Protein backbone atom coordinates (compact mmCIF):
# COMPACT_ATOMS: atom_id res chain seq x y z
CA MET A 1 -9.12 11.93 -12.14
CA THR A 2 -5.65 10.10 -10.52
CA VAL A 3 -6.04 9.43 -6.54
CA ILE A 4 -2.42 9.38 -4.69
CA LYS A 5 -2.58 7.98 -1.06
CA VAL A 6 1.34 8.20 1.17
CA VAL A 7 2.03 5.81 3.84
CA GLU A 8 5.31 6.37 5.92
CA LEU A 9 6.99 2.43 6.84
CA LEU A 10 10.47 1.76 8.29
CA GLY A 11 12.23 -0.04 7.29
CA GLU A 12 14.78 -2.60 9.18
CA SER A 13 18.08 -4.31 7.24
CA THR A 14 21.36 -5.50 9.45
CA THR A 15 23.25 -5.08 5.43
CA SER A 16 22.90 -1.54 4.66
CA TRP A 17 20.07 1.47 4.40
CA GLU A 18 19.35 0.59 0.44
CA HIS A 19 18.25 -3.22 1.63
CA ALA A 20 16.08 -0.86 4.76
CA VAL A 21 14.33 0.61 2.22
CA GLN A 22 13.79 -2.48 -0.42
CA GLU A 23 12.69 -4.80 3.30
CA ALA A 24 9.82 -1.59 3.35
CA VAL A 25 8.63 -1.03 -0.33
CA ASN A 26 8.76 -5.80 -0.40
CA ALA A 27 6.48 -5.23 3.38
CA ALA A 28 4.39 -2.81 1.41
CA SER A 29 3.79 -4.93 -1.95
CA LYS A 30 2.22 -7.68 -0.06
CA THR A 31 -0.62 -5.97 0.96
CA LEU A 32 -0.78 -2.48 -1.57
CA ARG A 33 -1.32 -2.81 -4.81
CA ASN A 34 -0.88 -0.27 -7.63
CA ILE A 35 2.54 1.36 -5.70
CA THR A 36 4.13 4.54 -7.84
CA GLY A 37 7.03 5.43 -5.75
CA ILE A 38 8.79 6.23 -3.54
CA GLU A 39 10.08 8.66 -1.46
CA VAL A 40 13.34 8.31 1.33
CA LEU A 41 12.72 10.83 4.49
CA ASN A 42 15.64 9.40 7.06
CA MET A 43 18.41 7.37 7.25
CA THR A 44 19.59 6.50 10.65
CA ALA A 45 20.79 3.33 12.40
CA SER A 46 21.06 1.16 15.88
CA ILE A 47 24.44 0.35 16.97
CA GLU A 48 25.68 -2.00 19.36
CA ASN A 49 29.49 -2.39 20.64
CA GLY A 50 30.58 0.59 18.65
CA LYS A 51 29.27 -0.60 15.67
CA ILE A 52 26.18 0.23 13.15
CA ALA A 53 23.57 -3.58 14.20
CA LYS A 54 21.01 -2.41 12.00
CA TYR A 55 20.26 0.39 9.84
CA LYS A 56 16.67 1.65 9.23
CA ALA A 57 15.00 3.91 6.81
CA ASN A 58 11.87 5.83 7.14
CA VAL A 59 9.98 5.86 2.97
CA ASN A 60 6.94 7.27 2.32
CA VAL A 61 5.37 4.01 -0.09
CA ALA A 62 3.05 6.46 -2.86
CA PHE A 63 0.26 4.40 -4.39
CA THR A 64 -3.06 5.08 -5.87
CA VAL A 65 -6.12 4.99 -5.25
CA ASP A 66 -8.36 2.01 -6.36
CA GLY A 67 -11.50 3.03 -8.58
CA THR A 68 -9.90 6.73 -9.33
């Protein structure tokens, strides 16, 4: 039997929503092993002077638990 754990992260980027998602995955990869997939939950942005300053993406990251 395999056990999967899911954690929610918020990625940020000044480039794009796709880059914000990749930033979340990059950060998760530094401390989590066995990442099996992601789910993008929400995309938002911060506005400064009428322009998008930061793209933000809430991401669920799924990974298998060791020993299962």
